[in-house]
PDB file of N, CA and C in Angstrom:
ATOM      1  N   MET A   1     -26.712  94.442-140.440  1.00  0.00           N
ATOM      2  CA  MET A   1     -27.825  93.511-140.661  1.00  0.00           C
ATOM      3  C   MET A   1     -28.586  93.439-139.238  1.00  0.00           C
ATOM      4  N   SER A   2     -29.946  93.589-139.502  1.00  0.00           N
ATOM      5  CA  SER A   2     -30.704  93.484-138.161  1.00  0.00           C
ATOM      6  C   SER A   2     -30.846  91.976-137.610  1.00  0.00           C
ATOM      7  N   LEU A   3     -31.285  91.881-136.443  1.00  0.00           N
ATOM      8  CA  LEU A   3     -31.460  90.534-135.875  1.00  0.00           C
ATOM      9  C   LEU A   3     -32.548  89.701-136.620  1.00  0.00           C
ATOM     10  N   SER A   4     -33.480  90.415-137.240  1.00  0.00           N
ATOM     11  CA  SER A   4     -34.543  89.700-137.948  1.00  0.00           C
ATOM     12  C   SER A   4     -33.940  89.146-139.285  1.00  0.00           C
ATOM     13  N   GLN A   5     -33.106  89.847-139.811  1.00  0.00           N
ATOM     14  CA  GLN A   5     -32.523  89.519-141.180  1.00  0.00           C
ATOM     15  C   GLN A   5     -31.502  88.407-140.875  1.00  0.00           C
ATOM     16  N   LYS A   6     -30.789  88.495-139.768  1.00  0.00           N
ATOM     17  CA  LYS A   6     -29.827  87.351-139.441  1.00  0.00           C
ATOM     18  C   LYS A   6     -30.440  86.080-139.235  1.00  0.00           C
ATOM     19  N   LEU A   7     -31.577  86.122-138.376  1.00  0.00           N
ATOM     20  CA  LEU A   7     -32.423  84.923-138.118  1.00  0.00           C
ATOM     21  C   LEU A   7     -33.040  84.266-139.319  1.00  0.00           C
ATOM     22  N   SER A   8     -33.466  85.258-140.165  1.00  0.00           N
ATOM     23  CA  SER A   8     -34.044  84.728-141.395  1.00  0.00           C
ATOM     24  C   SER A   8     -33.000  83.980-142.328  1.00  0.00           C
ATOM     25  N   CYS A   9     -31.756  84.517-142.375  1.00  0.00           N
ATOM     26  CA  CYS A   9     -30.766  83.943-143.169  1.00  0.00           C
ATOM     27  C   CYS A   9     -30.392  82.582-142.581  1.00  0.00           C
ATOM     28  N   ILE A  10     -30.279  82.501-141.289  1.00  0.00           N
ATOM     29  CA  ILE A  10     -30.049  81.321-140.601  1.00  0.00           C
ATOM     30  C   ILE A  10     -31.150  80.204-140.916  1.00  0.00           C
ATOM     31  N   ALA A  11     -32.417  80.557-140.801  1.00  0.00           N
ATOM     32  CA  ALA A  11     -33.606  79.736-141.056  1.00  0.00           C
ATOM     33  C   ALA A  11     -33.584  79.315-142.588  1.00  0.00           C
ATOM     34  N   ARG A  12     -33.226  80.070-143.405  1.00  0.00           N
ATOM     35  CA  ARG A  12     -33.194  79.687-144.933  1.00  0.00           C
ATOM     36  C   ARG A  12     -32.044  78.620-145.244  1.00  0.00           C
ATOM     37  N   SER A  13     -30.954  78.728-144.483  1.00  0.00           N
ATOM     38  CA  SER A  13     -29.840  77.899-144.659  1.00  0.00           C
ATOM     39  C   SER A  13     -30.047  76.492-143.765  1.00  0.00           C
ATOM     40  N   TRP A  14     -31.024  76.399-142.995  1.00  0.00           N
ATOM     41  CA  TRP A  14     -31.332  75.185-142.079  1.00  0.00           C
ATOM     42  C   TRP A  14     -31.670  74.034-142.964  1.00  0.00           C
ATOM     43  N   PRO A  15     -31.123  72.910-142.833  1.00  0.00           N
ATOM     44  CA  PRO A  15     -31.457  71.669-143.521  1.00  0.00           C
ATOM     45  C   PRO A  15     -32.767  71.227-143.182  1.00  0.00           C
ATOM     46  N   SER A  16     -33.493  70.609-144.202  1.00  0.00           N
ATOM     47  CA  SER A  16     -34.868  70.105-143.892  1.00  0.00           C
ATOM     48  C   SER A  16     -34.696  68.795-143.291  1.00  0.00           C
ATOM     49  N   ASP A  17     -35.678  68.367-142.550  1.00  0.00           N
ATOM     50  CA  ASP A  17     -35.734  66.973-141.894  1.00  0.00           C
ATOM     51  C   ASP A  17     -36.708  66.130-142.692  1.00  0.00           C
ATOM     52  N   PRO A  18     -36.132  65.172-143.261  1.00  0.00           N
ATOM     53  CA  PRO A  18     -37.040  64.275-144.106  1.00  0.00           C
ATOM     54  C   PRO A  18     -38.042  63.444-143.260  1.00  0.00           C
ATOM     55  N   PHE A  19     -37.770  63.303-141.933  1.00  0.00           N
ATOM     56  CA  PHE A  19     -38.605  62.436-141.047  1.00  0.00           C
ATOM     57  C   PHE A  19     -39.732  63.115-140.521  1.00  0.00           C
ATOM     58  N   ARG A  20     -39.683  64.527-140.480  1.00  0.00           N
ATOM     59  CA  ARG A  20     -40.811  65.268-140.032  1.00  0.00           C
ATOM     60  C   ARG A  20     -41.148  66.445-140.977  1.00  0.00           C
ATOM     61  N   PRO A  21     -41.763  66.022-142.174  1.00  0.00           N
ATOM     62  CA  PRO A  21     -42.063  66.918-143.146  1.00  0.00           C
ATOM     63  C   PRO A  21     -43.028  68.076-142.720  1.00  0.00           C
ATOM     64  N   ASN A  22     -43.867  67.828-141.769  1.00  0.00           N
ATOM     65  CA  ASN A  22     -44.873  68.753-141.320  1.00  0.00           C
ATOM     66  C   ASN A  22     -44.394  69.757-140.263  1.00  0.00           C
ATOM     67  N   PHE A  23     -43.042  69.420-139.742  1.00  0.00           N
ATOM     68  CA  PHE A  23     -42.455  70.327-138.703  1.00  0.00           C
ATOM     69  C   PHE A  23     -40.976  70.530-139.143  1.00  0.00           C
ATOM     70  N   GLN A  24     -40.684  71.625-139.618  1.00  0.00           N
ATOM     71  CA  GLN A  24     -39.437  72.024-140.049  1.00  0.00           C
ATOM     72  C   GLN A  24     -38.891  73.097-139.159  1.00  0.00           C
ATOM     73  N   LEU A  25     -37.679  72.963-138.529  1.00  0.00           N
ATOM     74  CA  LEU A  25     -37.160  73.960-137.660  1.00  0.00           C
ATOM     75  C   LEU A  25     -36.797  75.366-138.367  1.00  0.00           C
ATOM     76  N   GLY A  26     -36.433  75.111-139.697  1.00  0.00           N
ATOM     77  CA  GLY A  26     -36.155  76.326-140.400  1.00  0.00           C
ATOM     78  C   GLY A  26     -37.409  77.281-140.606  1.00  0.00           C
ATOM     79  N   LYS A  27     -38.545  76.604-140.809  1.00  0.00           N
ATOM     80  CA  LYS A  27     -39.780  77.440-140.776  1.00  0.00           C
ATOM     81  C   LYS A  27     -40.077  78.054-139.635  1.00  0.00           C
ATOM     82  N   PHE A  28     -39.932  77.195-138.528  1.00  0.00           N
ATOM     83  CA  PHE A  28     -40.200  77.811-137.096  1.00  0.00           C
ATOM     84  C   PHE A  28     -39.319  78.961-136.940  1.00  0.00           C
ATOM     85  N   LEU A  29     -37.976  78.939-137.237  1.00  0.00           N
ATOM     86  CA  LEU A  29     -37.121  80.095-137.110  1.00  0.00           C
ATOM     87  C   LEU A  29     -37.469  81.222-137.926  1.00  0.00           C
ATOM     88  N   LEU A  30     -37.894  80.967-139.109  1.00  0.00           N
ATOM     89  CA  LEU A  30     -38.282  81.993-140.055  1.00  0.00           C
ATOM     90  C   LEU A  30     -39.492  82.721-139.500  1.00  0.00           C
ATOM     91  N   ALA A  31     -40.446  82.031-139.002  1.00  0.00           N
ATOM     92  CA  ALA A  31     -41.624  82.685-138.174  1.00  0.00           C
ATOM     93  C   ALA A  31     -41.152  83.431-137.050  1.00  0.00           C
ATOM     94  N   LEU A  32     -40.256  82.906-136.272  1.00  0.00           N
ATOM     95  CA  LEU A  32     -39.758  83.573-135.134  1.00  0.00           C
ATOM     96  C   LEU A  32     -38.953  84.774-135.399  1.00  0.00           C
ATOM     97  N   SER A  33     -38.328  84.990-136.551  1.00  0.00           N
ATOM     98  CA  SER A  33     -37.555  86.111-137.057  1.00  0.00           C
ATOM     99  C   SER A  33     -38.518  87.404-137.060  1.00  0.00           C
ATOM    100  N   ASP A  34     -39.787  87.267-137.206  1.00  0.00           N
ATOM    101  CA  ASP A  34     -40.673  88.438-137.130  1.00  0.00           C
ATOM    102  C   ASP A  34     -41.218  88.680-135.681  1.00  0.00           C
ATOM    103  N   HIS A  35     -40.699  88.090-134.705  1.00  0.00           N
ATOM    104  CA  HIS A  35     -41.234  88.255-133.386  1.00  0.00           C
ATOM    105  C   HIS A  35     -40.685  89.614-132.893  1.00  0.00           C
ATOM    106  N   PRO A  36     -41.522  90.453-132.313  1.00  0.00           N
ATOM    107  CA  PRO A  36     -41.028  91.745-131.865  1.00  0.00           C
ATOM    108  C   PRO A  36     -40.138  91.771-130.718  1.00  0.00           C
ATOM    109  N   ASP A  37     -40.008  90.645-129.832  1.00  0.00           N
ATOM    110  CA  ASP A  37     -39.098  90.561-128.762  1.00  0.00           C
ATOM    111  C   ASP A  37     -37.890  89.744-129.001  1.00  0.00           C
ATOM    112  N   LEU A  38     -37.503  89.655-130.347  1.00  0.00           N
ATOM    113  CA  LEU A  38     -36.332  88.746-130.720  1.00  0.00           C
ATOM    114  C   LEU A  38     -35.058  89.401-130.037  1.00  0.00           C
ATOM    115  N   THR A  39     -34.327  88.590-129.348  1.00  0.00           N
ATOM    116  CA  THR A  39     -33.118  89.054-128.656  1.00  0.00           C
ATOM    117  C   THR A  39     -31.756  88.527-129.416  1.00  0.00           C
ATOM    118  N   PRO A  40     -30.764  89.213-129.268  1.00  0.00           N
ATOM    119  CA  PRO A  40     -29.440  88.803-129.819  1.00  0.00           C
ATOM    120  C   PRO A  40     -28.976  87.403-129.328  1.00  0.00           C
ATOM    121  N   SER A  41     -29.300  87.103-128.113  1.00  0.00           N
ATOM    122  CA  SER A  41     -28.918  85.646-127.579  1.00  0.00           C
ATOM    123  C   SER A  41     -29.710  84.611-128.362  1.00  0.00           C
ATOM    124  N   ALA A  42     -30.970  84.751-128.737  1.00  0.00           N
ATOM    125  CA  ALA A  42     -31.812  83.905-129.477  1.00  0.00           C
ATOM    126  C   ALA A  42     -31.173  83.667-130.813  1.00  0.00           C
ATOM    127  N   VAL A  43     -30.697  84.763-131.411  1.00  0.00           N
ATOM    128  CA  VAL A  43     -30.127  84.571-132.852  1.00  0.00           C
ATOM    129  C   VAL A  43     -28.721  83.895-132.683  1.00  0.00           C
ATOM    130  N   ARG A  44     -27.980  84.260-131.681  1.00  0.00           N
ATOM    131  CA  ARG A  44     -26.658  83.652-131.478  1.00  0.00           C
ATOM    132  C   ARG A  44     -26.936  81.995-131.208  1.00  0.00           C
ATOM    133  N   ALA A  45     -27.874  81.746-130.464  1.00  0.00           N
ATOM    134  CA  ALA A  45     -28.193  80.301-130.068  1.00  0.00           C
ATOM    135  C   ALA A  45     -28.489  79.594-131.458  1.00  0.00           C
ATOM    136  N   ALA A  46     -29.317  80.028-132.255  1.00  0.00           N
ATOM    137  CA  ALA A  46     -29.585  79.402-133.625  1.00  0.00           C
ATOM    138  C   ALA A  46     -28.373  79.331-134.514  1.00  0.00           C
ATOM    139  N   GLU A  47     -27.539  80.292-134.407  1.00  0.00           N
ATOM    140  CA  GLU A  47     -26.421  80.233-135.112  1.00  0.00           C
ATOM    141  C   GLU A  47     -25.322  79.242-134.650  1.00  0.00           C
ATOM    142  N   LEU A  48     -25.321  79.055-133.330  1.00  0.00           N
ATOM    143  CA  LEU A  48     -24.452  78.104-132.690  1.00  0.00           C
ATOM    144  C   LEU A  48     -24.969  76.656-133.033  1.00  0.00           C
ATOM    145  N   LEU A  49     -26.301  76.427-133.130  1.00  0.00           N
ATOM    146  CA  LEU A  49     -26.887  75.221-133.355  1.00  0.00           C
ATOM    147  C   LEU A  49     -26.592  74.729-134.930  1.00  0.00           C
ATOM    148  N   ARG A  50     -26.812  75.728-135.747  1.00  0.00           N
ATOM    149  CA  ARG A  50     -26.624  75.493-137.225  1.00  0.00           C
ATOM    150  C   ARG A  50     -25.140  75.185-137.458  1.00  0.00           C
ATOM    151  N   ASN A  51     -24.196  75.832-136.878  1.00  0.00           N
ATOM    152  CA  ASN A  51     -22.805  75.619-137.152  1.00  0.00           C
ATOM    153  C   ASN A  51     -22.166  74.382-136.275  1.00  0.00           C
ATOM    154  N   ASN A  52     -22.973  73.820-135.499  1.00  0.00           N
ATOM    155  CA  ASN A  52     -22.500  72.598-134.652  1.00  0.00           C
ATOM    156  C   ASN A  52     -21.368  73.064-133.747  1.00  0.00           C
ATOM    157  N   GLU A  53     -21.357  74.429-133.374  1.00  0.00           N
ATOM    158  CA  GLU A  53     -20.362  74.807-132.409  1.00  0.00           C
ATOM    159  C   GLU A  53     -20.447  74.273-131.049  1.00  0.00           C
ATOM    160  N   LEU A  54     -21.702  74.045-130.660  1.00  0.00           N
ATOM    161  CA  LEU A  54     -22.020  73.480-129.315  1.00  0.00           C
ATOM    162  C   LEU A  54     -21.382  71.995-129.237  1.00  0.00           C
ATOM    163  N   GLN A  55     -21.435  71.263-130.350  1.00  0.00           N
ATOM    164  CA  GLN A  55     -20.842  69.932-130.263  1.00  0.00           C
ATOM    165  C   GLN A  55     -19.368  69.957-130.013  1.00  0.00           C
ATOM    166  N   ALA A  56     -18.687  70.877-130.546  1.00  0.00           N
ATOM    167  CA  ALA A  56     -17.259  70.975-130.362  1.00  0.00           C
ATOM    168  C   ALA A  56     -16.948  71.480-128.983  1.00  0.00           C
ATOM    169  N   LYS A  57     -17.803  72.431-128.410  1.00  0.00           N
ATOM    170  CA  LYS A  57     -17.648  72.850-127.153  1.00  0.00           C
ATOM    171  C   LYS A  57     -17.891  71.867-126.075  1.00  0.00           C
ATOM    172  N   TYR A  58     -18.953  71.095-126.169  1.00  0.00           N
ATOM    173  CA  TYR A  58     -19.358  70.115-125.206  1.00  0.00           C
ATOM    174  C   TYR A  58     -19.160  68.676-125.855  1.00  0.00           C
ATOM    175  N   GLN A  59     -18.010  68.159-126.039  1.00  0.00           N
ATOM    176  CA  GLN A  59     -17.755  66.967-126.665  1.00  0.00           C
ATOM    177  C   GLN A  59     -18.245  65.841-125.687  1.00  0.00           C
ATOM    178  N   LEU A  60     -18.757  64.723-126.340  1.00  0.00           N
ATOM    179  CA  LEU A  60     -19.249  63.514-125.736  1.00  0.00           C
ATOM    180  C   LEU A  60     -18.016  62.584-125.571  1.00  0.00           C
ATOM    181  N   SER A  61     -18.115  61.723-124.578  1.00  0.00           N
ATOM    182  CA  SER A  61     -17.001  60.636-124.443  1.00  0.00           C
ATOM    183  C   SER A  61     -17.322  59.517-125.406  1.00  0.00           C
ATOM    184  N   GLU A  62     -16.401  58.758-125.609  1.00  0.00           N
ATOM    185  CA  GLU A  62     -16.675  57.498-126.381  1.00  0.00           C
ATOM    186  C   GLU A  62     -17.657  56.485-125.717  1.00  0.00           C
ATOM    187  N   LYS A  63     -17.607  56.546-124.435  1.00  0.00           N
ATOM    188  CA  LYS A  63     -18.528  55.699-123.610  1.00  0.00           C
ATOM    189  C   LYS A  63     -19.964  55.991-123.941  1.00  0.00           C
ATOM    190  N   THR A  64     -20.265  57.197-124.235  1.00  0.00           N
ATOM    191  CA  THR A  64     -21.608  57.613-124.573  1.00  0.00           C
ATOM    192  C   THR A  64     -21.992  57.067-126.019  1.00  0.00           C
ATOM    193  N   PHE A  65     -21.116  57.044-126.845  1.00  0.00           N
ATOM    194  CA  PHE A  65     -21.446  56.570-128.214  1.00  0.00           C
ATOM    195  C   PHE A  65     -21.405  54.975-128.357  1.00  0.00           C
ATOM    196  N   VAL A  66     -20.661  54.432-127.416  1.00  0.00           N
ATOM    197  CA  VAL A  66     -20.543  52.954-127.562  1.00  0.00           C
ATOM    198  C   VAL A  66     -20.869  52.398-126.172  1.00  0.00           C
ATOM    199  N   PRO A  67     -22.166  52.286-125.801  1.00  0.00           N
ATOM    200  CA  PRO A  67     -22.515  51.689-124.504  1.00  0.00           C
ATOM    201  C   PRO A  67     -22.123  50.194-124.331  1.00  0.00           C
ATOM    202  N   ARG A  68     -21.704  49.847-123.180  1.00  0.00           N
ATOM    203  CA  ARG A  68     -21.400  48.481-122.963  1.00  0.00           C
ATOM    204  C   ARG A  68     -22.446  47.369-123.116  1.00  0.00           C
ATOM    205  N   SER A  69     -23.642  47.862-122.776  1.00  0.00           N
ATOM    206  CA  SER A  69     -24.668  46.915-122.817  1.00  0.00           C
ATOM    207  C   SER A  69     -25.141  46.584-124.301  1.00  0.00           C
ATOM    208  N   LYS A  70     -24.961  47.524-125.247  1.00  0.00           N
ATOM    209  CA  LYS A  70     -25.215  47.351-126.591  1.00  0.00           C
ATOM    210  C   LYS A  70     -24.365  48.183-127.442  1.00  0.00           C
ATOM    211  N   PRO A  71     -23.138  47.727-127.760  1.00  0.00           N
ATOM    212  CA  PRO A  71     -22.152  48.615-128.450  1.00  0.00           C
ATOM    213  C   PRO A  71     -22.566  49.042-129.870  1.00  0.00           C
ATOM    214  N   LEU A  72     -23.297  48.333-130.578  1.00  0.00           N
ATOM    215  CA  LEU A  72     -23.679  48.624-131.912  1.00  0.00           C
ATOM    216  C   LEU A  72     -25.060  49.543-131.994  1.00  0.00           C
ATOM    217  N   HIS A  73     -25.525  49.833-130.876  1.00  0.00           N
ATOM    218  CA  HIS A  73     -26.780  50.558-130.831  1.00  0.00           C
ATOM    219  C   HIS A  73     -26.893  51.749-131.763  1.00  0.00           C
ATOM    220  N   TYR A  74     -26.024  52.644-131.637  1.00  0.00           N
ATOM    221  CA  TYR A  74     -25.969  53.921-132.379  1.00  0.00           C
ATOM    222  C   TYR A  74     -25.664  53.758-133.828  1.00  0.00           C
ATOM    223  N   ASP A  75     -24.828  52.706-134.100  1.00  0.00           N
ATOM    224  CA  ASP A  75     -24.552  52.318-135.591  1.00  0.00           C
ATOM    225  C   ASP A  75     -25.794  51.797-136.137  1.00  0.00           C
ATOM    226  N   GLN A  76     -26.581  50.897-135.456  1.00  0.00           N
ATOM    227  CA  GLN A  76     -27.816  50.462-135.993  1.00  0.00           C
ATOM    228  C   GLN A  76     -28.851  51.454-136.192  1.00  0.00           C
ATOM    229  N   LEU A  77     -28.940  52.399-135.247  1.00  0.00           N
ATOM    230  CA  LEU A  77     -29.955  53.485-135.284  1.00  0.00           C
ATOM    231  C   LEU A  77     -29.630  54.367-136.398  1.00  0.00           C
ATOM    232  N   ARG A  78     -28.377  54.635-136.684  1.00  0.00           N
ATOM    233  CA  ARG A  78     -28.029  55.661-137.892  1.00  0.00           C
ATOM    234  C   ARG A  78     -28.341  54.751-139.178  1.00  0.00           C
ATOM    235  N   GLU A  79     -27.988  53.533-139.257  1.00  0.00           N
ATOM    236  CA  GLU A  79     -28.345  52.659-140.362  1.00  0.00           C
ATOM    237  C   GLU A  79     -29.753  52.639-140.670  1.00  0.00           C
ATOM    238  N   GLY A  80     -30.538  52.525-139.613  1.00  0.00           N
ATOM    239  CA  GLY A  80     -32.001  52.530-139.762  1.00  0.00           C
ATOM    240  C   GLY A  80     -32.595  53.799-140.318  1.00  0.00           C
ATOM    241  N   PHE A  81     -32.039  54.902-139.756  1.00  0.00           N
ATOM    242  CA  PHE A  81     -32.522  56.260-140.327  1.00  0.00           C
ATOM    243  C   PHE A  81     -32.096  56.471-141.702  1.00  0.00           C
ATOM    244  N   GLU A  82     -30.875  56.064-142.061  1.00  0.00           N
ATOM    245  CA  GLU A  82     -30.322  56.210-143.475  1.00  0.00           C
ATOM    246  C   GLU A  82     -31.235  55.389-144.450  1.00  0.00           C
ATOM    247  N   LYS A  83     -31.577  54.073-144.090  1.00  0.00           N
ATOM    248  CA  LYS A  83     -32.274  53.384-144.963  1.00  0.00           C
ATOM    249  C   LYS A  83     -33.740  53.710-145.115  1.00  0.00           C
ATOM    250  N   SER A  84     -34.310  54.170-143.960  1.00  0.00           N
ATOM    251  CA  SER A  84     -35.665  54.633-143.917  1.00  0.00           C
ATOM    252  C   SER A  84     -35.842  55.967-144.801  1.00  0.00           C
ATOM    253  N   ALA A  85     -34.815  56.809-144.817  1.00  0.00           N
ATOM    254  CA  ALA A  85     -34.774  58.003-145.577  1.00  0.00           C
ATOM    255  C   ALA A  85     -34.778  57.572-147.160  1.00  0.00           C
ATOM    256  N   GLN A  86     -34.162  56.367-147.454  1.00  0.00           N
ATOM    257  CA  GLN A  86     -34.247  55.821-148.881  1.00  0.00           C
ATOM    258  C   GLN A  86     -35.431  55.034-149.141  1.00  0.00           C
ATOM    259  N   GLY A  87     -36.273  54.955-148.124  1.00  0.00           N
ATOM    260  CA  GLY A  87     -37.602  54.137-148.374  1.00  0.00           C
ATOM    261  C   GLY A  87     -37.292  52.526-148.174  1.00  0.00           C
ATOM    262  N   ILE A  88     -36.272  52.148-147.599  1.00  0.00           N
ATOM    263  CA  ILE A  88     -35.973  50.743-147.439  1.00  0.00           C
ATOM    264  C   ILE A  88     -36.424  50.363-146.072  1.00  0.00           C
ATOM    265  N   ALA A  89     -37.334  49.544-145.955  1.00  0.00           N
ATOM    266  CA  ALA A  89     -37.848  49.035-144.704  1.00  0.00           C
ATOM    267  C   ALA A  89     -37.119  47.515-144.358  1.00  0.00           C
ATOM    268  N   ARG A  90     -37.027  47.352-142.979  1.00  0.00           N
ATOM    269  CA  ARG A  90     -36.576  46.077-142.573  1.00  0.00           C
ATOM    270  C   ARG A  90     -37.672  45.114-142.781  1.00  0.00           C
ATOM    271  N   PRO A  91     -37.243  43.828-143.020  1.00  0.00           N
ATOM    272  CA  PRO A  91     -38.218  42.781-143.317  1.00  0.00           C
ATOM    273  C   PRO A  91     -38.881  42.471-141.891  1.00  0.00           C
ATOM    274  N   TRP A  92     -40.160  41.862-141.887  1.00  0.00           N
ATOM    275  CA  TRP A  92     -40.845  41.651-140.652  1.00  0.00           C
ATOM    276  C   TRP A  92     -40.112  40.704-139.773  1.00  0.00           C
ATOM    277  N   TRP A  93     -39.433  39.652-140.507  1.00  0.00           N
ATOM    278  CA  TRP A  93     -38.811  38.709-139.665  1.00  0.00           C
ATOM    279  C   TRP A  93     -37.463  39.290-138.864  1.00  0.00           C
ATOM    280  N   LYS A  94     -36.919  40.224-139.348  1.00  0.00           N
ATOM    281  CA  LYS A  94     -35.818  40.911-138.689  1.00  0.00           C
ATOM    282  C   LYS A  94     -36.284  41.746-137.489  1.00  0.00           C
ATOM    283  N   ILE A  95     -37.469  42.372-137.602  1.00  0.00           N
ATOM    284  CA  ILE A  95     -37.960  43.009-136.576  1.00  0.00           C
ATOM    285  C   ILE A  95     -38.430  42.047-135.483  1.00  0.00           C
ATOM    286  N   PHE A  96     -39.093  40.968-135.822  1.00  0.00           N
ATOM    287  CA  PHE A  96     -39.640  40.038-134.880  1.00  0.00           C
ATOM    288  C   PHE A  96     -38.586  39.378-134.123  1.00  0.00           C
ATOM    289  N   PHE A  97     -37.502  38.892-134.751  1.00  0.00           N
ATOM    290  CA  PHE A  97     -36.363  38.187-134.105  1.00  0.00           C
ATOM    291  C   PHE A  97     -35.265  39.244-133.584  1.00  0.00           C
ATOM    292  N   ASN A  98     -35.472  40.510-133.914  1.00  0.00           N
ATOM    293  CA  ASN A  98     -34.482  41.521-133.418  1.00  0.00           C
ATOM    294  C   ASN A  98     -33.129  41.364-134.009  1.00  0.00           C
ATOM    295  N   VAL A  99     -33.107  41.091-135.396  1.00  0.00           N
ATOM    296  CA  VAL A  99     -31.908  40.840-136.079  1.00  0.00           C
ATOM    297  C   VAL A  99     -31.646  42.014-136.913  1.00  0.00           C
ATOM    298  N   TRP A 100     -30.279  42.416-136.963  1.00  0.00           N
ATOM    299  CA  TRP A 100     -29.963  43.565-137.844  1.00  0.00           C
ATOM    300  C   TRP A 100     -29.220  43.000-139.000  1.00  0.00           C
TER     301      TRP A 100
END
């Protein structure tokens, strides 16, 4: 399988981003697969990103995910993304008073 075909396969299996419908990384990788100077390291990098292998190689500590200043920050951020993907918005008063 050629480099172009490998990158095309990776691009087609890339999940779509509901928050940026006008910019999809899969479409970018698909366009990049036709580039004449495509290198094996670029294809390998895309493959590593798709399979989350870099996350296993460079693990982050618990301190990164639970900062002392605001321990629920990332949980609230994830909850906000999940609700906005479903079309559920926070009421104005929760935004105004910074209530979750």
